Amino acid sequence: MPTWSHPRAAGTATARIYELRTYESHSDRAALNKLGMFNAGEVPIFRRAGLTPVFFGETLVGTRCPA
């Protein structure tokens, strides 16, 4: 996410379900394209659908990085 945002329901006792999604890319170019898609508008689409994004991260080192 380009900026940090506080979830609206934070601090409530409401039960929640979390979903972990992992996106893997076959190249740096494909990974940068996916990051661009999130930064260019997918987060607002999630919010309009009633989803609350919590965290987006990027693998910088390791065996699962694109070649």
PDB file of N, CA and C in Angstrom:
ATOM      1  N   MET A   1       0.852  -1.173   0.000  1.00  0.00           N
ATOM      2  CA  MET A   1       0.000   0.000   0.000  1.00  0.00           C
ATOM      3  C   MET A   1       0.893   1.229   0.000  1.00  0.00           C
ATOM      4  N   PRO A   2       0.555   2.204  -0.782  1.00  0.00           N
ATOM      5  CA  PRO A   2       1.400   3.396  -0.847  1.00  0.00           C
ATOM      6  C   PRO A   2       1.425   4.188   0.466  1.00  0.00           C
ATOM      7  N   THR A   3       0.350   4.153   1.230  1.00  0.00           N
ATOM      8  CA  THR A   3       0.296   4.873   2.504  1.00  0.00           C
ATOM      9  C   THR A   3      -0.348   3.985   3.549  1.00  0.00           C
ATOM     10  N   TRP A   4      -0.049   4.282   4.820  1.00  0.00           N
ATOM     11  CA  TRP A   4      -0.615   3.531   5.930  1.00  0.00           C
ATOM     12  C   TRP A   4      -2.019   4.048   6.214  1.00  0.00           C
ATOM     13  N   SER A   5      -2.926   3.130   6.538  1.00  0.00           N
ATOM     14  CA  SER A   5      -4.281   3.548   6.920  1.00  0.00           C
ATOM     15  C   SER A   5      -4.749   2.692   8.082  1.00  0.00           C
ATOM     16  N   HIS A   6      -5.515   3.279   8.970  1.00  0.00           N
ATOM     17  CA  HIS A   6      -6.021   2.608  10.162  1.00  0.00           C
ATOM     18  C   HIS A   6      -7.363   1.972   9.821  1.00  0.00           C
ATOM     19  N   PRO A   7      -7.549   0.658  10.071  1.00  0.00           N
ATOM     20  CA  PRO A   7      -8.836   0.023   9.772  1.00  0.00           C
ATOM     21  C   PRO A   7      -9.973   0.656  10.566  1.00  0.00           C
ATOM     22  N   ARG A   8     -11.133   0.809   9.948  1.00  0.00           N
ATOM     23  CA  ARG A   8     -12.289   1.424  10.607  1.00  0.00           C
ATOM     24  C   ARG A   8     -12.772   0.645  11.812  1.00  0.00           C
ATOM     25  N   ALA A   9     -12.681  -0.663  11.780  1.00  0.00           N
ATOM     26  CA  ALA A   9     -13.217  -1.495  12.857  1.00  0.00           C
ATOM     27  C   ALA A   9     -12.182  -1.795  13.939  1.00  0.00           C
ATOM     28  N   ALA A  10     -11.044  -1.144  13.901  1.00  0.00           N
ATOM     29  CA  ALA A  10      -9.996  -1.416  14.897  1.00  0.00           C
ATOM     30  C   ALA A  10     -10.509  -1.079  16.293  1.00  0.00           C
ATOM     31  N   GLY A  11     -10.186  -1.940  17.246  1.00  0.00           N
ATOM     32  CA  GLY A  11     -10.589  -1.710  18.624  1.00  0.00           C
ATOM     33  C   GLY A  11     -11.945  -2.275  18.978  1.00  0.00           C
ATOM     34  N   THR A  12     -12.627  -2.876  18.030  1.00  0.00           N
ATOM     35  CA  THR A  12     -13.928  -3.469  18.326  1.00  0.00           C
ATOM     36  C   THR A  12     -13.739  -4.951  18.654  1.00  0.00           C
ATOM     37  N   ALA A  13     -14.713  -5.518  19.269  1.00  0.00           N
ATOM     38  CA  ALA A  13     -14.646  -6.933  19.648  1.00  0.00           C
ATOM     39  C   ALA A  13     -15.257  -7.836  18.573  1.00  0.00           C
ATOM     40  N   THR A  14     -15.482  -7.309  17.398  1.00  0.00           N
ATOM     41  CA  THR A  14     -16.089  -8.067  16.310  1.00  0.00           C
ATOM     42  C   THR A  14     -15.148  -9.165  15.821  1.00  0.00           C
ATOM     43  N   ALA A  15     -15.679 -10.356  15.641  1.00  0.00           N
ATOM     44  CA  ALA A  15     -14.886 -11.459  15.099  1.00  0.00           C
ATOM     45  C   ALA A  15     -14.504 -11.137  13.656  1.00  0.00           C
ATOM     46  N   ARG A  16     -13.316 -11.553  13.268  1.00  0.00           N
ATOM     47  CA  ARG A  16     -12.841 -11.272  11.916  1.00  0.00           C
ATOM     48  C   ARG A  16     -12.287 -12.530  11.276  1.00  0.00           C
ATOM     49  N   ILE A  17     -12.305 -12.520   9.968  1.00  0.00           N
ATOM     50  CA  ILE A  17     -11.684 -13.569   9.182  1.00  0.00           C
ATOM     51  C   ILE A  17     -10.588 -12.901   8.368  1.00  0.00           C
ATOM     52  N   TYR A  18      -9.390 -13.475   8.408  1.00  0.00           N
ATOM     53  CA  TYR A  18      -8.274 -12.946   7.643  1.00  0.00           C
ATOM     54  C   TYR A  18      -7.956 -13.898   6.500  1.00  0.00           C
ATOM     55  N   GLU A  19      -7.607 -13.335   5.367  1.00  0.00           N
ATOM     56  CA  GLU A  19      -7.229 -14.124   4.202  1.00  0.00           C
ATOM     57  C   GLU A  19      -5.826 -13.704   3.792  1.00  0.00           C
ATOM     58  N   LEU A  20      -4.939 -14.665   3.673  1.00  0.00           N
ATOM     59  CA  LEU A  20      -3.581 -14.393   3.229  1.00  0.00           C
ATOM     60  C   LEU A  20      -3.469 -14.766   1.761  1.00  0.00           C
ATOM     61  N   ARG A  21      -3.079 -13.802   0.958  1.00  0.00           N
ATOM     62  CA  ARG A  21      -2.863 -14.055  -0.463  1.00  0.00           C
ATOM     63  C   ARG A  21      -1.391 -13.861  -0.758  1.00  0.00           C
ATOM     64  N   THR A  22      -0.830 -14.757  -1.543  1.00  0.00           N
ATOM     65  CA  THR A  22       0.560 -14.665  -1.953  1.00  0.00           C
ATOM     66  C   THR A  22       0.610 -14.629  -3.473  1.00  0.00           C
ATOM     67  N   TYR A  23       1.235 -13.609  -3.999  1.00  0.00           N
ATOM     68  CA  TYR A  23       1.393 -13.480  -5.446  1.00  0.00           C
ATOM     69  C   TYR A  23       2.848 -13.759  -5.780  1.00  0.00           C
ATOM     70  N   GLU A  24       3.085 -14.677  -6.706  1.00  0.00           N
ATOM     71  CA  GLU A  24       4.437 -14.991  -7.146  1.00  0.00           C
ATOM     72  C   GLU A  24       4.565 -14.622  -8.622  1.00  0.00           C
ATOM     73  N   SER A  25       5.702 -14.054  -8.966  1.00  0.00           N
ATOM     74  CA  SER A  25       5.936 -13.615 -10.339  1.00  0.00           C
ATOM     75  C   SER A  25       7.110 -14.362 -10.937  1.00  0.00           C
ATOM     76  N   HIS A  26       7.065 -14.554 -12.225  1.00  0.00           N
ATOM     77  CA  HIS A  26       8.141 -15.266 -12.915  1.00  0.00           C
ATOM     78  C   HIS A  26       9.299 -14.349 -13.291  1.00  0.00           C
ATOM     79  N   SER A  27       9.120 -13.035 -13.131  1.00  0.00           N
ATOM     80  CA  SER A  27      10.192 -12.090 -13.469  1.00  0.00           C
ATOM     81  C   SER A  27      10.026 -10.813 -12.657  1.00  0.00           C
ATOM     82  N   ASP A  28      11.092 -10.017 -12.603  1.00  0.00           N
ATOM     83  CA  ASP A  28      11.018  -8.720 -11.919  1.00  0.00           C
ATOM     84  C   ASP A  28       9.991  -7.823 -12.593  1.00  0.00           C
ATOM     85  N   ARG A  29       9.921  -7.877 -13.909  1.00  0.00           N
ATOM     86  CA  ARG A  29       8.984  -7.033 -14.650  1.00  0.00           C
ATOM     87  C   ARG A  29       7.525  -7.354 -14.265  1.00  0.00           C
ATOM     88  N   ALA A  30       7.213  -8.646 -14.181  1.00  0.00           N
ATOM     89  CA  ALA A  30       5.852  -9.049 -13.801  1.00  0.00           C
ATOM     90  C   ALA A  30       5.548  -8.639 -12.360  1.00  0.00           C
ATOM     91  N   ALA A  31       6.537  -8.753 -11.477  1.00  0.00           N
ATOM     92  CA  ALA A  31       6.341  -8.358 -10.076  1.00  0.00           C
ATOM     93  C   ALA A  31       6.093  -6.858  -9.980  1.00  0.00           C
ATOM     94  N   LEU A  32       6.871  -6.062 -10.700  1.00  0.00           N
ATOM     95  CA  LEU A  32       6.673  -4.611 -10.689  1.00  0.00           C
ATOM     96  C   LEU A  32       5.315  -4.230 -11.261  1.00  0.00           C
ATOM     97  N   ASN A  33       4.854  -4.972 -12.273  1.00  0.00           N
ATOM     98  CA  ASN A  33       3.531  -4.719 -12.848  1.00  0.00           C
ATOM     99  C   ASN A  33       2.437  -4.970 -11.807  1.00  0.00           C
ATOM    100  N   LYS A  34       2.537  -6.062 -11.049  1.00  0.00           N
ATOM    101  CA  LYS A  34       1.534  -6.380 -10.030  1.00  0.00           C
ATOM    102  C   LYS A  34       1.551  -5.329  -8.922  1.00  0.00           C
ATOM    103  N   LEU A  35       2.750  -4.920  -8.489  1.00  0.00           N
ATOM    104  CA  LEU A  35       2.836  -3.862  -7.477  1.00  0.00           C
ATOM    105  C   LEU A  35       2.200  -2.578  -7.984  1.00  0.00           C
ATOM    106  N   GLY A  36       2.432  -2.258  -9.254  1.00  0.00           N
ATOM    107  CA  GLY A  36       1.824  -1.071  -9.841  1.00  0.00           C
ATOM    108  C   GLY A  36       0.308  -1.147  -9.858  1.00  0.00           C
ATOM    109  N   MET A  37      -0.231  -2.339 -10.088  1.00  0.00           N
ATOM    110  CA  MET A  37      -1.684  -2.514 -10.092  1.00  0.00           C
ATOM    111  C   MET A  37      -2.258  -2.233  -8.703  1.00  0.00           C
ATOM    112  N   PHE A  38      -1.595  -2.739  -7.651  1.00  0.00           N
ATOM    113  CA  PHE A  38      -2.073  -2.466  -6.296  1.00  0.00           C
ATOM    114  C   PHE A  38      -1.990  -0.977  -5.988  1.00  0.00           C
ATOM    115  N   ASN A  39      -0.879  -0.355  -6.333  1.00  0.00           N
ATOM    116  CA  ASN A  39      -0.679   1.057  -6.018  1.00  0.00           C
ATOM    117  C   ASN A  39      -1.555   1.983  -6.848  1.00  0.00           C
ATOM    118  N   ALA A  40      -2.019   1.522  -8.004  1.00  0.00           N
ATOM    119  CA  ALA A  40      -2.787   2.380  -8.897  1.00  0.00           C
ATOM    120  C   ALA A  40      -4.299   2.260  -8.735  1.00  0.00           C
ATOM    121  N   GLY A  41      -4.779   1.448  -7.796  1.00  0.00           N
ATOM    122  CA  GLY A  41      -6.219   1.442  -7.654  1.00  0.00           C
ATOM    123  C   GLY A  41      -6.870   0.190  -7.125  1.00  0.00           C
ATOM    124  N   GLU A  42      -6.142  -0.894  -6.932  1.00  0.00           N
ATOM    125  CA  GLU A  42      -6.800  -2.105  -6.448  1.00  0.00           C
ATOM    126  C   GLU A  42      -7.218  -2.003  -4.987  1.00  0.00           C
ATOM    127  N   VAL A  43      -6.467  -1.271  -4.183  1.00  0.00           N
ATOM    128  CA  VAL A  43      -6.829  -1.119  -2.764  1.00  0.00           C
ATOM    129  C   VAL A  43      -8.195  -0.448  -2.611  1.00  0.00           C
ATOM    130  N   PRO A  44      -8.487   0.651  -3.333  1.00  0.00           N
ATOM    131  CA  PRO A  44      -9.839   1.225  -3.233  1.00  0.00           C
ATOM    132  C   PRO A  44     -10.935   0.267  -3.694  1.00  0.00           C
ATOM    133  N   ILE A  45     -10.634  -0.589  -4.659  1.00  0.00           N
ATOM    134  CA  ILE A  45     -11.622  -1.587  -5.109  1.00  0.00           C
ATOM    135  C   ILE A  45     -11.909  -2.559  -3.969  1.00  0.00           C
ATOM    136  N   PHE A  46     -10.863  -3.002  -3.259  1.00  0.00           N
ATOM    137  CA  PHE A  46     -11.058  -3.886  -2.110  1.00  0.00           C
ATOM    138  C   PHE A  46     -11.970  -3.220  -1.085  1.00  0.00           C
ATOM    139  N   ARG A  47     -11.702  -1.963  -0.794  1.00  0.00           N
ATOM    140  CA  ARG A  47     -12.500  -1.248   0.218  1.00  0.00           C
ATOM    141  C   ARG A  47     -13.962  -1.108  -0.203  1.00  0.00           C
ATOM    142  N   ARG A  48     -14.197  -0.805  -1.474  1.00  0.00           N
ATOM    143  CA  ARG A  48     -15.592  -0.690  -1.958  1.00  0.00           C
ATOM    144  C   ARG A  48     -16.317  -2.028  -1.845  1.00  0.00           C
ATOM    145  N   ALA A  49     -15.574  -3.127  -1.923  1.00  0.00           N
ATOM    146  CA  ALA A  49     -16.176  -4.460  -1.811  1.00  0.00           C
ATOM    147  C   ALA A  49     -16.363  -4.875  -0.349  1.00  0.00           C
ATOM    148  N   GLY A  50     -15.982  -3.996   0.587  1.00  0.00           N
ATOM    149  CA  GLY A  50     -16.159  -4.297   2.002  1.00  0.00           C
ATOM    150  C   GLY A  50     -14.974  -4.994   2.641  1.00  0.00           C
ATOM    151  N   LEU A  51     -13.858  -5.092   1.926  1.00  0.00           N
ATOM    152  CA  LEU A  51     -12.656  -5.723   2.455  1.00  0.00           C
ATOM    153  C   LEU A  51     -11.745  -4.658   3.059  1.00  0.00           C
ATOM    154  N   THR A  52     -11.017  -5.004   4.103  1.00  0.00           N
ATOM    155  CA  THR A  52     -10.093  -4.077   4.737  1.00  0.00           C
ATOM    156  C   THR A  52      -8.671  -4.591   4.559  1.00  0.00           C
ATOM    157  N   PRO A  53      -7.922  -4.008   3.633  1.00  0.00           N
ATOM    158  CA  PRO A  53      -6.530  -4.435   3.473  1.00  0.00           C
ATOM    159  C   PRO A  53      -5.756  -4.169   4.758  1.00  0.00           C
ATOM    160  N   VAL A  54      -4.918  -5.122   5.159  1.00  0.00           N
ATOM    161  CA  VAL A  54      -4.153  -4.987   6.392  1.00  0.00           C
ATOM    162  C   VAL A  54      -2.679  -4.770   6.100  1.00  0.00           C
ATOM    163  N   PHE A  55      -2.123  -5.552   5.190  1.00  0.00           N
ATOM    164  CA  PHE A  55      -0.686  -5.494   4.950  1.00  0.00           C
ATOM    165  C   PHE A  55      -0.363  -5.939   3.540  1.00  0.00           C
ATOM    166  N   PHE A  56       0.548  -5.226   2.914  1.00  0.00           N
ATOM    167  CA  PHE A  56       1.116  -5.628   1.639  1.00  0.00           C
ATOM    168  C   PHE A  56       2.622  -5.574   1.802  1.00  0.00           C
ATOM    169  N   GLY A  57       3.320  -6.612   1.386  1.00  0.00           N
ATOM    170  CA  GLY A  57       4.772  -6.646   1.514  1.00  0.00           C
ATOM    171  C   GLY A  57       5.410  -7.136   0.236  1.00  0.00           C
ATOM    172  N   GLU A  58       6.714  -7.038   0.211  1.00  0.00           N
ATOM    173  CA  GLU A  58       7.471  -7.437  -0.970  1.00  0.00           C
ATOM    174  C   GLU A  58       8.696  -8.231  -0.509  1.00  0.00           C
ATOM    175  N   THR A  59       8.964  -9.343  -1.161  1.00  0.00           N
ATOM    176  CA  THR A  59      10.137 -10.138  -0.850  1.00  0.00           C
ATOM    177  C   THR A  59      11.357  -9.462  -1.455  1.00  0.00           C
ATOM    178  N   LEU A  60      12.345  -9.178  -0.622  1.00  0.00           N
ATOM    179  CA  LEU A  60      13.554  -8.506  -1.107  1.00  0.00           C
ATOM    180  C   LEU A  60      14.711  -9.477  -1.324  1.00  0.00           C
ATOM    181  N   VAL A  61      14.792 -10.509  -0.500  1.00  0.00           N
ATOM    182  CA  VAL A  61      15.846 -11.515  -0.646  1.00  0.00           C
ATOM    183  C   VAL A  61      15.259 -12.880  -0.352  1.00  0.00           C
ATOM    184  N   GLY A  62      15.916 -13.921  -0.843  1.00  0.00           N
ATOM    185  CA  GLY A  62      15.475 -15.279  -0.545  1.00  0.00           C
ATOM    186  C   GLY A  62      15.287 -16.101  -1.798  1.00  0.00           C
ATOM    187  N   THR A  63      14.911 -17.332  -1.583  1.00  0.00           N
ATOM    188  CA  THR A  63      14.781 -18.277  -2.697  1.00  0.00           C
ATOM    189  C   THR A  63      13.498 -18.085  -3.492  1.00  0.00           C
ATOM    190  N   ARG A  64      12.544 -17.304  -2.985  1.00  0.00           N
ATOM    191  CA  ARG A  64      11.260 -17.133  -3.679  1.00  0.00           C
ATOM    192  C   ARG A  64      11.192 -15.847  -4.486  1.00  0.00           C
ATOM    193  N   CYS A  65      12.303 -15.176  -4.690  1.00  0.00           N
ATOM    194  CA  CYS A  65      12.330 -13.946  -5.481  1.00  0.00           C
ATOM    195  C   CYS A  65      12.286 -14.286  -6.974  1.00  0.00           C
ATOM    196  N   PRO A  66      11.704 -13.401  -7.794  1.00  0.00           N
ATOM    197  CA  PRO A  66      11.708 -13.642  -9.241  1.00  0.00           C
ATOM    198  C   PRO A  66      13.136 -13.649  -9.780  1.00  0.00           C
ATOM    199  N   ALA A  67      13.340 -14.416 -10.796  1.00  0.00           N
ATOM    200  CA  ALA A  67      14.679 -14.505 -11.411  1.00  0.00           C
ATOM    201  C   ALA A  67      14.876 -13.394 -12.415  1.00  0.00           C
TER     202      ALA A  67
END
